[in-house]
């Protein structure tokens, strides 16, 4: 059959041996290094993935750590704000209490001053009324010296009316 193709058996065997030698040489010098290179490349890709995964894991840990720090800082900030508000409210209450106490003192002082002024005004008014009564009495006496009994009644009536009214406004 090999001869039907125009080849002799020796040539066919020679081609077959050459082909097998070529495959053996290519397998040894080309295919095995190529497979080794593919294995190395596969391993380097796997190592890169492992390294990327480890880096991602570290990044996630750092991110989680930063998030915890941020949450802690926010909590501390909120605590400081809350304490500041409480302190400010306490100070505001203290200031308001002091202002109320001062206002109460001022009102009491004003009431005392008003009472003193009122007493002084009443005393002045009593003096004025007394002076007016004396002037009225003088006028009455000058006008009518003969009617001494009637003048005393008028003065007594004025003094009585002034006494019952209590020298009030």
Protein backbone atom coordinates (compact mmCIF):
# COMPACT_ATOMS: atom_id res chain seq x y z
CA UNK A 1 0.00 0.00 0.00
CA UNK A 2 2.88 2.29 0.66
CA UNK A 3 4.06 1.49 -2.82
CA UNK A 4 0.72 2.44 -4.26
CA UNK A 5 1.38 5.94 -3.06
CA UNK A 6 4.73 5.97 -4.81
CA UNK A 7 6.87 5.51 -1.71
CA UNK A 8 9.09 2.65 -0.82
CA UNK A 9 8.93 0.96 2.53
CA UNK A 10 12.42 2.16 3.45
CA UNK A 11 11.50 5.73 2.65
CA UNK A 12 8.31 5.37 4.60
CA UNK A 13 10.16 4.01 7.60
CA UNK A 14 12.77 6.77 7.25
CA UNK A 15 9.99 9.42 7.19
CA UNK A 16 8.30 7.73 10.11
CA UNK A 17 11.49 7.61 12.18
CA UNK A 18 12.27 11.23 11.25
CA UNK A 19 8.77 12.25 12.27
CA UNK A 20 9.00 10.39 15.56
CA UNK A 21 12.46 11.87 16.21
CA UNK A 22 11.13 15.33 15.37
CA UNK A 23 8.23 14.82 17.77
CA UNK A 24 10.60 13.55 20.47
CA UNK A 25 13.04 16.45 19.99
CA UNK A 26 10.22 18.99 19.83
CA UNK A 27 8.61 17.40 22.88
CA UNK A 28 11.84 17.51 24.84
CA UNK A 29 13.14 20.93 23.82
CA UNK A 30 9.98 22.79 22.91
CA UNK A 31 6.87 21.20 24.38
CA UNK A 32 8.20 20.52 27.91
CA UNK A 33 9.70 24.04 28.29
CA UNK A 34 6.48 25.44 26.84
CA UNK A 35 4.45 23.46 29.41
CA UNK A 36 6.87 24.55 32.12
CA UNK A 37 6.48 28.16 30.97
CA UNK A 38 2.67 27.74 31.03
CA UNK A 39 2.88 26.20 34.50
CA UNK A 40 5.11 29.09 35.65
CA UNK A 41 2.69 31.60 34.11
CA UNK A 42 -0.27 29.83 35.73
CA UNK A 43 1.55 29.82 39.05
CA UNK A 44 2.48 33.51 38.72
CA UNK A 45 -1.16 34.37 37.86
CA UNK A 46 -2.32 32.29 40.84
CA UNK A 47 0.25 34.03 43.05
CA UNK A 48 -0.91 37.41 41.72
CA UNK A 49 -4.51 36.50 42.55
CA UNK A 50 -3.46 35.30 46.00
CA UNK A 51 -1.44 38.47 46.51
CA UNK A 52 -4.36 40.59 45.29
CA UNK A 53 -6.69 38.70 47.62
CA UNK A 54 -4.29 39.23 50.55
CA UNK A 55 -3.96 42.91 49.62
CA UNK A 56 -7.75 43.20 49.41
CA UNK A 57 -8.04 41.48 52.77
CA UNK A 58 -5.54 43.92 54.29
CA UNK A 59 -7.33 46.84 52.64
CA UNK A 60 -10.66 45.60 54.02
CA UNK A 61 -9.12 45.27 57.49
CA UNK A 62 -7.68 48.78 57.24
CA UNK A 63 -11.00 50.11 55.97
CA UNK A 64 -12.80 48.42 58.85
CA UNK A 65 -10.19 49.80 61.27
CA UNK A 66 -10.62 53.31 59.83
CA UNK A 67 -14.40 52.97 59.97
CA UNK A 68 -14.15 51.98 63.64
CA UNK A 69 -11.85 54.94 64.30
CA UNK A 70 -14.24 57.26 62.48
CA UNK A 71 -17.20 55.85 64.42
CA UNK A 72 -15.24 56.25 67.66
CA UNK A 73 -14.30 59.82 66.75
CA UNK A 74 -17.93 60.58 65.87
CA UNK A 75 -19.09 59.09 69.16
CA UNK A 76 -16.51 61.15 71.05
CA UNK A 77 -17.56 64.24 69.11
CA UNK A 78 -21.21 63.57 69.92
CA UNK A 79 -20.30 63.05 73.57
CA UNK A 80 -18.35 66.33 73.62
CA UNK A 81 -21.29 68.11 71.98
CA UNK A 82 -23.73 66.57 74.47
CA UNK A 83 -21.52 67.54 77.41
CA UNK A 84 -21.11 71.05 76.00
CA UNK A 85 -24.87 71.40 75.61
CA UNK A 86 -25.42 70.18 79.16
CA UNK A 87 -22.76 72.56 80.46
CA UNK A 88 -24.21 75.45 78.44
CA UNK A 89 -27.71 74.68 79.72
CA UNK A 90 -26.37 74.62 83.28
CA UNK A 91 -24.61 77.94 82.79
CA UNK A 92 -27.71 79.44 81.17
CA UNK A 93 -29.84 78.24 84.11
CA UNK A 94 -27.31 79.69 86.55
CA UNK A 95 -27.29 83.03 84.71
CA UNK A 96 -31.09 83.09 84.59
CA UNK A 97 -31.31 82.24 88.29
CA UNK A 98 -28.82 84.98 89.13
CA UNK A 99 -30.73 87.44 86.95
CA UNK A 100 -34.01 86.46 88.61
CA UNK A 101 -32.45 86.87 92.06
CA UNK A 102 -31.05 90.27 91.07
CA UNK A 103 -34.41 91.30 89.62
CA UNK A 104 -36.14 90.19 92.82
CA UNK A 105 -33.65 92.21 94.87
CA UNK A 106 -34.18 95.21 92.62
CA UNK A 107 -37.97 94.88 92.91
CA UNK A 108 -37.71 94.59 96.70
CA UNK A 109 -35.38 97.59 96.84
CA UNK A 110 -37.77 99.54 94.62
CA UNK A 111 -40.72 98.55 96.84
CA UNK A 112 -38.78 99.70 99.92
CA UNK A 113 -37.90 102.94 98.15
CA UNK A 114 -41.53 103.42 97.13
CA UNK A 115 -42.64 102.79 100.71
CA UNK A 116 -40.08 105.30 101.98
CA UNK A 117 -41.20 107.85 99.39
CA UNK A 118 -44.82 107.17 100.29
CA UNK A 119 -44.09 107.64 103.99
CA UNK A 120 -42.17 110.81 103.24
CA UNK A 121 -44.99 112.07 101.02
CA UNK A 122 -47.53 111.31 103.76
CA UNK A 123 -45.38 113.13 106.31
CA UNK A 124 -45.04 116.07 103.93
CA UNK A 125 -48.74 115.99 103.24
CA UNK A 126 -49.51 115.93 106.98
CA UNK A 127 -47.25 118.93 107.40
CA UNK A 128 -48.92 120.70 104.51
CA UNK A 129 -52.39 119.89 105.82
CA UNK A 130 -51.37 121.08 109.25
CA UNK A 131 -50.00 124.29 107.75
CA UNK A 132 -53.16 124.74 105.68
CA UNK A 133 -55.28 124.04 108.73
CA UNK A 134 -53.30 126.60 110.68
CA UNK A 135 -53.67 129.11 107.88
CA UNK A 136 -57.39 128.40 107.69
CA UNK A 137 -57.62 128.78 111.43
CA UNK A 138 -55.77 132.07 111.29
CA UNK A 139 -58.08 133.32 108.57
CA UNK A 140 -61.10 132.22 110.53
CA UNK A 141 -59.76 133.88 113.64
CA UNK A 142 -59.02 137.06 111.84
CA UNK A 143 -62.42 137.15 110.25
CA UNK A 144 -64.47 136.43 113.19
CA UNK A 145 -62.87 136.84 116.60
CA UNK A 146 -66.22 137.02 118.28
CA UNK A 147 -67.34 133.52 117.38
CA UNK A 148 -64.66 131.56 119.21
CA UNK A 149 -66.86 128.58 120.00
CA UNK A 150 -67.73 128.05 116.38
CA UNK A 151 -64.06 128.18 115.33
CA UNK A 152 -63.11 125.45 117.74
CA UNK A 153 -65.85 123.27 116.38
CA UNK A 154 -64.62 123.81 112.84
CA UNK A 155 -61.00 123.00 113.80
CA UNK A 156 -62.13 119.91 115.74
CA UNK A 157 -64.19 118.74 112.77
CA UNK A 158 -61.22 119.22 110.40
CA UNK A 159 -58.91 117.31 112.75
CA UNK A 160 -61.47 114.51 113.14
CA UNK A 161 -62.02 114.16 109.40
CA UNK A 162 -58.30 114.15 108.81
CA UNK A 163 -57.81 111.48 111.54
CA UNK A 164 -60.53 109.14 110.21
CA UNK A 165 -59.22 109.26 106.69
CA UNK A 166 -55.81 108.07 107.98
CA UNK A 167 -53.95 110.63 105.93
CA UNK A 168 -54.26 108.36 102.86
CA UNK A 169 -54.19 109.50 99.25
